[in-house]
Amino acid sequence: MESDGFELEFESLYLTAFAVTRRLIGTTADAEDAAAEALARALVAWRRLAGQPGRQPWVVRVATNVAIDQLRRHRGAPRPAAATPDEMEEATMRLSLVAALKRLPKRQRQVVTMRYLADFDEAAVARSLGISVNSVKKHSQRGVSALRGLLGSKESDQDRYHR
Protein backbone atom coordinates (compact mmCIF):
# COMPACT_ATOMS: atom_id res chain seq x y z
CA MET A 1 0.00 0.00 0.00
CA GLU A 2 1.36 3.38 -1.03
CA SER A 3 1.37 5.81 1.88
CA ASP A 4 3.97 8.32 0.73
CA GLY A 5 3.01 11.69 2.11
CA PHE A 6 0.12 10.37 4.18
CA GLU A 7 2.07 10.75 7.41
CA LEU A 8 2.90 14.35 6.49
CA GLU A 9 -0.75 15.26 5.95
CA PHE A 10 -2.27 13.05 8.65
CA GLU A 11 -2.50 15.67 11.40
CA SER A 12 -4.11 18.31 9.20
CA LEU A 13 -6.54 15.83 7.68
CA TYR A 14 -7.42 14.36 11.07
CA LEU A 15 -8.08 17.76 12.62
CA THR A 16 -10.38 18.67 9.74
CA ALA A 17 -12.23 15.34 9.94
CA PHE A 18 -12.56 15.65 13.72
CA ALA A 19 -13.95 19.20 13.48
CA VAL A 20 -16.65 18.03 11.09
CA THR A 21 -17.57 14.88 13.02
CA ARG A 22 -17.59 16.72 16.36
CA ARG A 23 -20.07 19.25 14.98
CA LEU A 24 -22.33 16.49 13.70
CA ILE A 25 -22.05 13.91 16.46
CA GLY A 26 -21.53 16.06 19.52
CA THR A 27 -19.47 13.72 21.67
CA THR A 28 -15.71 13.83 21.54
CA ALA A 29 -15.11 10.07 21.75
CA ASP A 30 -17.59 9.24 18.97
CA ALA A 31 -16.26 12.08 16.83
CA GLU A 32 -12.70 10.78 17.29
CA ASP A 33 -13.83 7.32 16.19
CA ALA A 34 -15.56 8.72 13.10
CA ALA A 35 -12.55 10.89 12.22
CA ALA A 36 -10.22 7.90 12.63
CA GLU A 37 -12.45 5.83 10.35
CA ALA A 38 -12.36 8.59 7.72
CA LEU A 39 -8.55 8.67 7.90
CA ALA A 40 -8.36 4.88 7.65
CA ARG A 41 -10.39 5.09 4.45
CA ALA A 42 -8.10 7.87 3.22
CA LEU A 43 -5.05 5.68 3.80
CA VAL A 44 -6.62 2.87 1.78
CA ALA A 45 -7.38 5.32 -1.06
CA TRP A 46 -4.13 7.29 -0.70
CA ARG A 47 -2.52 6.06 -3.92
CA ARG A 48 -5.42 7.60 -5.84
CA LEU A 49 -5.69 10.70 -3.61
CA ALA A 50 -1.99 11.55 -3.27
CA GLY A 51 -1.71 13.40 -6.57
CA GLN A 52 -5.06 15.18 -6.26
CA PRO A 53 -5.56 18.72 -4.89
CA GLY A 54 -8.86 17.77 -3.22
CA ARG A 55 -7.64 15.45 -0.49
CA GLN A 56 -9.00 17.53 2.37
CA PRO A 57 -12.50 17.96 0.89
CA TRP A 58 -12.53 14.23 0.10
CA VAL A 59 -11.81 13.47 3.75
CA VAL A 60 -14.58 15.91 4.81
CA ARG A 61 -17.10 14.08 2.62
CA VAL A 62 -16.04 10.70 3.99
CA ALA A 63 -16.04 11.98 7.60
CA THR A 64 -19.54 13.40 7.11
CA ASN A 65 -20.80 10.09 5.76
CA VAL A 66 -19.15 8.13 8.57
CA ALA A 67 -20.67 10.45 11.19
CA ILE A 68 -24.14 10.15 9.66
CA ASP A 69 -23.82 6.36 9.53
CA GLN A 70 -22.63 6.28 13.12
CA LEU A 71 -25.59 8.38 14.26
CA ARG A 72 -27.98 6.17 12.33
CA ARG A 73 -26.53 2.99 13.91
CA HIS A 74 -26.63 4.36 17.45
CA ARG A 75 -30.04 6.01 17.25
CA GLY A 76 -31.70 3.34 19.40
CA ALA A 77 -28.69 2.58 21.61
CA PRO A 78 -29.07 3.25 25.33
CA ARG A 79 -27.33 6.38 26.57
CA PRO A 80 -25.00 6.33 29.57
CA ALA A 81 -25.98 8.37 32.64
CA ALA A 82 -28.71 10.96 32.39
CA ALA A 83 -27.77 13.99 30.34
CA THR A 84 -28.39 17.55 31.47
CA PRO A 85 -31.16 19.50 29.72
CA ASP A 86 -28.53 21.49 27.79
CA GLU A 87 -26.80 18.32 26.60
CA MET A 88 -30.13 16.82 25.57
CA GLU A 89 -31.07 19.96 23.66
CA GLU A 90 -27.69 20.02 21.91
CA ALA A 91 -27.96 16.33 21.00
CA THR A 92 -31.48 16.84 19.68
CA MET A 93 -30.29 19.80 17.62
CA ARG A 94 -27.42 17.75 16.15
CA LEU A 95 -29.71 14.85 15.27
CA SER A 96 -32.17 17.25 13.65
CA LEU A 97 -29.34 18.81 11.63
CA VAL A 98 -28.12 15.41 10.46
CA ALA A 99 -31.66 14.37 9.48
CA ALA A 100 -32.14 17.64 7.59
CA LEU A 101 -28.76 17.29 5.83
CA LYS A 102 -29.74 13.81 4.66
CA ARG A 103 -32.85 15.28 3.03
CA LEU A 104 -30.89 17.76 0.93
CA PRO A 105 -29.90 16.86 -2.63
CA LYS A 106 -26.39 15.40 -2.73
CA ARG A 107 -24.66 18.47 -4.20
CA GLN A 108 -26.31 20.86 -1.71
CA ARG A 109 -25.35 18.55 1.16
CA GLN A 110 -21.74 18.43 -0.05
CA VAL A 111 -21.50 22.20 -0.44
CA VAL A 112 -23.17 23.02 2.89
CA THR A 113 -21.00 20.48 4.74
CA MET A 114 -17.77 21.77 3.23
CA ARG A 115 -18.67 25.45 3.62
CA TYR A 116 -20.20 25.49 7.08
CA LEU A 117 -18.96 22.40 8.90
CA ALA A 118 -15.43 22.24 7.49
CA ASP A 119 -15.06 26.02 6.95
CA PHE A 120 -13.77 25.74 3.36
CA ASP A 121 -13.97 28.86 1.23
CA GLU A 122 -16.09 28.88 -1.93
CA ALA A 123 -13.09 28.48 -4.23
CA ALA A 124 -11.87 25.36 -2.38
CA VAL A 125 -15.32 23.80 -2.50
CA ALA A 126 -15.60 24.59 -6.21
CA ARG A 127 -12.20 23.00 -6.97
CA SER A 128 -12.99 19.94 -4.90
CA LEU A 129 -16.36 19.30 -6.51
CA GLY A 130 -15.35 20.35 -10.01
CA ILE A 131 -17.98 23.09 -10.24
CA SER A 132 -17.89 26.88 -10.57
CA VAL A 133 -17.81 29.27 -7.64
CA ASN A 134 -21.22 30.55 -8.77
CA SER A 135 -22.58 27.00 -8.54
CA VAL A 136 -21.16 26.73 -5.04
CA LYS A 137 -22.95 29.97 -4.11
CA LYS A 138 -26.25 28.75 -5.56
CA HIS A 139 -26.03 25.32 -3.90
CA SER A 140 -25.03 26.94 -0.62
CA GLN A 141 -27.90 29.43 -0.71
CA ARG A 142 -30.44 26.77 -1.68
CA GLY A 143 -29.09 24.28 0.85
CA VAL A 144 -29.13 26.74 3.74
CA SER A 145 -32.60 27.89 2.76
CA ALA A 146 -33.82 24.28 2.65
CA LEU A 147 -32.22 23.57 6.04
CA ARG A 148 -33.96 26.60 7.53
CA GLY A 149 -37.26 25.28 6.24
CA LEU A 150 -36.60 21.75 7.44
CA LEU A 151 -35.41 22.90 10.85
CA GLY A 152 -38.14 25.51 11.23
CA SER A 153 -35.77 28.42 11.76
CA LYS A 154 -36.24 31.79 10.19
CA GLU A 155 -33.60 34.11 8.86
CA SER A 156 -33.07 37.06 11.15
CA ASP A 157 -33.08 40.61 9.85
CA GLN A 158 -29.37 40.80 10.65
CA ASP A 159 -28.63 37.74 8.46
CA ARG A 160 -30.70 39.17 5.63
CA TYR A 161 -28.87 42.51 5.60
CA HIS A 162 -25.33 41.26 6.20
CA ARG A 163 -24.79 38.88 3.28
C-alpha atoms as a PDB file:
ATOM      1  CA  MET A   1       0.000   0.000   0.000  1.00  0.00           C
ATOM      2  CA  GLU A   2       1.365   3.377  -1.033  1.00  0.00           C
ATOM      3  CA  SER A   3       1.372   5.809   1.883  1.00  0.00           C
ATOM      4  CA  ASP A   4       3.974   8.323   0.727  1.00  0.00           C
ATOM      5  CA  GLY A   5       3.005  11.693   2.108  1.00  0.00           C
ATOM      6  CA  PHE A   6       0.119  10.370   4.179  1.00  0.00           C
ATOM      7  CA  GLU A   7       2.065  10.751   7.410  1.00  0.00           C
ATOM      8  CA  LEU A   8       2.899  14.351   6.493  1.00  0.00           C
ATOM      9  CA  GLU A   9      -0.748  15.255   5.954  1.00  0.00           C
ATOM     10  CA  PHE A  10      -2.269  13.050   8.646  1.00  0.00           C
ATOM     11  CA  GLU A  11      -2.499  15.669  11.400  1.00  0.00           C
ATOM     12  CA  SER A  12      -4.109  18.313   9.203  1.00  0.00           C
ATOM     13  CA  LEU A  13      -6.542  15.830   7.685  1.00  0.00           C
ATOM     14  CA  TYR A  14      -7.416  14.361  11.070  1.00  0.00           C
ATOM     15  CA  LEU A  15      -8.083  17.764  12.625  1.00  0.00           C
ATOM     16  CA  THR A  16     -10.380  18.669   9.742  1.00  0.00           C
ATOM     17  CA  ALA A  17     -12.226  15.344   9.944  1.00  0.00           C
ATOM     18  CA  PHE A  18     -12.555  15.646  13.716  1.00  0.00           C
ATOM     19  CA  ALA A  19     -13.951  19.196  13.480  1.00  0.00           C
ATOM     20  CA  VAL A  20     -16.649  18.026  11.091  1.00  0.00           C
ATOM     21  CA  THR A  21     -17.567  14.876  13.015  1.00  0.00           C
ATOM     22  CA  ARG A  22     -17.591  16.717  16.357  1.00  0.00           C
ATOM     23  CA  ARG A  23     -20.071  19.245  14.978  1.00  0.00           C
ATOM     24  CA  LEU A  24     -22.330  16.494  13.696  1.00  0.00           C
ATOM     25  CA  ILE A  25     -22.049  13.908  16.458  1.00  0.00           C
ATOM     26  CA  GLY A  26     -21.531  16.062  19.518  1.00  0.00           C
ATOM     27  CA  THR A  27     -19.465  13.725  21.668  1.00  0.00           C
ATOM     28  CA  THR A  28     -15.706  13.825  21.535  1.00  0.00           C
ATOM     29  CA  ALA A  29     -15.109  10.073  21.746  1.00  0.00           C
ATOM     30  CA  ASP A  30     -17.587   9.235  18.971  1.00  0.00           C
ATOM     31  CA  ALA A  31     -16.260  12.080  16.833  1.00  0.00           C
ATOM     32  CA  GLU A  32     -12.701  10.784  17.290  1.00  0.00           C
ATOM     33  CA  ASP A  33     -13.833   7.319  16.191  1.00  0.00           C
ATOM     34  CA  ALA A  34     -15.557   8.720  13.099  1.00  0.00           C
ATOM     35  CA  ALA A  35     -12.546  10.888  12.218  1.00  0.00           C
ATOM     36  CA  ALA A  36     -10.217   7.903  12.631  1.00  0.00           C
ATOM     37  CA  GLU A  37     -12.450   5.827  10.346  1.00  0.00           C
ATOM     38  CA  ALA A  38     -12.356   8.593   7.723  1.00  0.00           C
ATOM     39  CA  LEU A  39      -8.549   8.669   7.898  1.00  0.00           C
ATOM     40  CA  ALA A  40      -8.357   4.875   7.654  1.00  0.00           C
ATOM     41  CA  ARG A  41     -10.390   5.094   4.449  1.00  0.00           C
ATOM     42  CA  ALA A  42      -8.104   7.874   3.216  1.00  0.00           C
ATOM     43  CA  LEU A  43      -5.049   5.677   3.801  1.00  0.00           C
ATOM     44  CA  VAL A  44      -6.624   2.868   1.785  1.00  0.00           C
ATOM     45  CA  ALA A  45      -7.376   5.320  -1.061  1.00  0.00           C
ATOM     46  CA  TRP A  46      -4.126   7.287  -0.703  1.00  0.00           C
ATOM     47  CA  ARG A  47      -2.521   6.065  -3.916  1.00  0.00           C
ATOM     48  CA  ARG A  48      -5.424   7.595  -5.840  1.00  0.00           C
ATOM     49  CA  LEU A  49      -5.690  10.700  -3.611  1.00  0.00           C
ATOM     50  CA  ALA A  50      -1.990  11.551  -3.272  1.00  0.00           C
ATOM     51  CA  GLY A  51      -1.711  13.402  -6.572  1.00  0.00           C
ATOM     52  CA  GLN A  52      -5.059  15.183  -6.256  1.00  0.00           C
ATOM     53  CA  PRO A  53      -5.555  18.715  -4.894  1.00  0.00           C
ATOM     54  CA  GLY A  54      -8.861  17.772  -3.223  1.00  0.00           C
ATOM     55  CA  ARG A  55      -7.638  15.453  -0.493  1.00  0.00           C
ATOM     56  CA  GLN A  56      -8.996  17.533   2.369  1.00  0.00           C
ATOM     57  CA  PRO A  57     -12.499  17.957   0.892  1.00  0.00           C
ATOM     58  CA  TRP A  58     -12.535  14.229   0.103  1.00  0.00           C
ATOM     59  CA  VAL A  59     -11.807  13.474   3.753  1.00  0.00           C
ATOM     60  CA  VAL A  60     -14.578  15.909   4.805  1.00  0.00           C
ATOM     61  CA  ARG A  61     -17.096  14.083   2.624  1.00  0.00           C
ATOM     62  CA  VAL A  62     -16.038  10.702   3.990  1.00  0.00           C
ATOM     63  CA  ALA A  63     -16.043  11.978   7.599  1.00  0.00           C
ATOM     64  CA  THR A  64     -19.540  13.398   7.113  1.00  0.00           C
ATOM     65  CA  ASN A  65     -20.801  10.093   5.758  1.00  0.00           C
ATOM     66  CA  VAL A  66     -19.147   8.129   8.574  1.00  0.00           C
ATOM     67  CA  ALA A  67     -20.675  10.454  11.188  1.00  0.00           C
ATOM     68  CA  ILE A  68     -24.143  10.148   9.658  1.00  0.00           C
ATOM     69  CA  ASP A  69     -23.816   6.356   9.526  1.00  0.00           C
ATOM     70  CA  GLN A  70     -22.627   6.283  13.120  1.00  0.00           C
ATOM     71  CA  LEU A  71     -25.591   8.383  14.263  1.00  0.00           C
ATOM     72  CA  ARG A  72     -27.981   6.167  12.327  1.00  0.00           C
ATOM     73  CA  ARG A  73     -26.533   2.991  13.906  1.00  0.00           C
ATOM     74  CA  HIS A  74     -26.630   4.360  17.451  1.00  0.00           C
ATOM     75  CA  ARG A  75     -30.042   6.008  17.245  1.00  0.00           C
ATOM     76  CA  GLY A  76     -31.697   3.337  19.401  1.00  0.00           C
ATOM     77  CA  ALA A  77     -28.690   2.577  21.607  1.00  0.00           C
ATOM     78  CA  PRO A  78     -29.068   3.247  25.327  1.00  0.00           C
ATOM     79  CA  ARG A  79     -27.328   6.378  26.569  1.00  0.00           C
ATOM     80  CA  PRO A  80     -24.997   6.331  29.570  1.00  0.00           C
ATOM     81  CA  ALA A  81     -25.983   8.373  32.640  1.00  0.00           C
ATOM     82  CA  ALA A  82     -28.714  10.964  32.389  1.00  0.00           C
ATOM     83  CA  ALA A  83     -27.775  13.995  30.343  1.00  0.00           C
ATOM     84  CA  THR A  84     -28.387  17.546  31.467  1.00  0.00           C
ATOM     85  CA  PRO A  85     -31.162  19.497  29.717  1.00  0.00           C
ATOM     86  CA  ASP A  86     -28.533  21.493  27.786  1.00  0.00           C
ATOM     87  CA  GLU A  87     -26.800  18.319  26.601  1.00  0.00           C
ATOM     88  CA  MET A  88     -30.125  16.817  25.572  1.00  0.00           C
ATOM     89  CA  GLU A  89     -31.073  19.964  23.662  1.00  0.00           C
ATOM     90  CA  GLU A  90     -27.695  20.020  21.908  1.00  0.00           C
ATOM     91  CA  ALA A  91     -27.960  16.331  21.003  1.00  0.00           C
ATOM     92  CA  THR A  92     -31.480  16.840  19.677  1.00  0.00           C
ATOM     93  CA  MET A  93     -30.294  19.796  17.623  1.00  0.00           C
ATOM     94  CA  ARG A  94     -27.423  17.752  16.146  1.00  0.00           C
ATOM     95  CA  LEU A  95     -29.714  14.847  15.269  1.00  0.00           C
ATOM     96  CA  SER A  96     -32.166  17.254  13.649  1.00  0.00           C
ATOM     97  CA  LEU A  97     -29.342  18.806  11.634  1.00  0.00           C
ATOM     98  CA  VAL A  98     -28.117  15.405  10.457  1.00  0.00           C
ATOM     99  CA  ALA A  99     -31.662  14.373   9.483  1.00  0.00           C
ATOM    100  CA  ALA A 100     -32.140  17.644   7.593  1.00  0.00           C
ATOM    101  CA  LEU A 101     -28.757  17.295   5.830  1.00  0.00           C
ATOM    102  CA  LYS A 102     -29.740  13.805   4.662  1.00  0.00           C
ATOM    103  CA  ARG A 103     -32.854  15.277   3.028  1.00  0.00           C
ATOM    104  CA  LEU A 104     -30.886  17.757   0.926  1.00  0.00           C
ATOM    105  CA  PRO A 105     -29.902  16.864  -2.629  1.00  0.00           C
ATOM    106  CA  LYS A 106     -26.387  15.396  -2.730  1.00  0.00           C
ATOM    107  CA  ARG A 107     -24.657  18.465  -4.197  1.00  0.00           C
ATOM    108  CA  GLN A 108     -26.311  20.862  -1.714  1.00  0.00           C
ATOM    109  CA  ARG A 109     -25.351  18.545   1.161  1.00  0.00           C
ATOM    110  CA  GLN A 110     -21.742  18.425  -0.047  1.00  0.00           C
ATOM    111  CA  VAL A 111     -21.502  22.203  -0.442  1.00  0.00           C
ATOM    112  CA  VAL A 112     -23.166  23.015   2.891  1.00  0.00           C
ATOM    113  CA  THR A 113     -21.005  20.477   4.739  1.00  0.00           C
ATOM    114  CA  MET A 114     -17.771  21.771   3.229  1.00  0.00           C
ATOM    115  CA  ARG A 115     -18.667  25.453   3.618  1.00  0.00           C
ATOM    116  CA  TYR A 116     -20.203  25.489   7.079  1.00  0.00           C
ATOM    117  CA  LEU A 117     -18.956  22.401   8.899  1.00  0.00           C
ATOM    118  CA  ALA A 118     -15.430  22.241   7.490  1.00  0.00           C
ATOM    119  CA  ASP A 119     -15.059  26.018   6.952  1.00  0.00           C
ATOM    120  CA  PHE A 120     -13.775  25.744   3.363  1.00  0.00           C
ATOM    121  CA  ASP A 121     -13.974  28.857   1.232  1.00  0.00           C
ATOM    122  CA  GLU A 122     -16.089  28.880  -1.930  1.00  0.00           C
ATOM    123  CA  ALA A 123     -13.091  28.478  -4.233  1.00  0.00           C
ATOM    124  CA  ALA A 124     -11.865  25.362  -2.381  1.00  0.00           C
ATOM    125  CA  VAL A 125     -15.320  23.801  -2.504  1.00  0.00           C
ATOM    126  CA  ALA A 126     -15.599  24.587  -6.212  1.00  0.00           C
ATOM    127  CA  ARG A 127     -12.204  23.000  -6.969  1.00  0.00           C
ATOM    128  CA  SER A 128     -12.995  19.936  -4.903  1.00  0.00           C
ATOM    129  CA  LEU A 129     -16.364  19.303  -6.506  1.00  0.00           C
ATOM    130  CA  GLY A 130     -15.351  20.354 -10.005  1.00  0.00           C
ATOM    131  CA  ILE A 131     -17.983  23.092 -10.242  1.00  0.00           C
ATOM    132  CA  SER A 132     -17.886  26.876 -10.572  1.00  0.00           C
ATOM    133  CA  VAL A 133     -17.809  29.274  -7.638  1.00  0.00           C
ATOM    134  CA  ASN A 134     -21.217  30.555  -8.774  1.00  0.00           C
ATOM    135  CA  SER A 135     -22.580  27.003  -8.543  1.00  0.00           C
ATOM    136  CA  VAL A 136     -21.164  26.735  -5.039  1.00  0.00           C
ATOM    137  CA  LYS A 137     -22.947  29.971  -4.106  1.00  0.00           C
ATOM    138  CA  LYS A 138     -26.250  28.747  -5.561  1.00  0.00           C
ATOM    139  CA  HIS A 139     -26.028  25.315  -3.900  1.00  0.00           C
ATOM    140  CA  SER A 140     -25.031  26.941  -0.618  1.00  0.00           C
ATOM    141  CA  GLN A 141     -27.903  29.427  -0.712  1.00  0.00           C
ATOM    142  CA  ARG A 142     -30.442  26.767  -1.683  1.00  0.00           C
ATOM    143  CA  GLY A 143     -29.094  24.278   0.846  1.00  0.00           C
ATOM    144  CA  VAL A 144     -29.129  26.741   3.736  1.00  0.00           C
ATOM    145  CA  SER A 145     -32.605  27.895   2.761  1.00  0.00           C
ATOM    146  CA  ALA A 146     -33.819  24.285   2.650  1.00  0.00           C
ATOM    147  CA  LEU A 147     -32.219  23.575   6.040  1.00  0.00           C
ATOM    148  CA  ARG A 148     -33.960  26.602   7.535  1.00  0.00           C
ATOM    149  CA  GLY A 149     -37.260  25.283   6.241  1.00  0.00           C
ATOM    150  CA  LEU A 150     -36.603  21.746   7.439  1.00  0.00           C
ATOM    151  CA  LEU A 151     -35.411  22.897  10.846  1.00  0.00           C
ATOM    152  CA  GLY A 152     -38.137  25.509  11.229  1.00  0.00           C
ATOM    153  CA  SER A 153     -35.773  28.420  11.756  1.00  0.00           C
ATOM    154  CA  LYS A 154     -36.242  31.794  10.186  1.00  0.00           C
ATOM    155  CA  GLU A 155     -33.603  34.113   8.864  1.00  0.00           C
ATOM    156  CA  SER A 156     -33.066  37.064  11.147  1.00  0.00           C
ATOM    157  CA  ASP A 157     -33.078  40.611   9.849  1.00  0.00           C
ATOM    158  CA  GLN A 158     -29.367  40.800  10.652  1.00  0.00           C
ATOM    159  CA  ASP A 159     -28.634  37.740   8.463  1.00  0.00           C
ATOM    160  CA  ARG A 160     -30.697  39.175   5.629  1.00  0.00           C
ATOM    161  CA  TYR A 161     -28.874  42.510   5.602  1.00  0.00           C
ATOM    162  CA  HIS A 162     -25.333  41.263   6.196  1.00  0.00           C
ATOM    163  CA  ARG A 163     -24.790  38.884   3.282  1.00  0.00           C
END
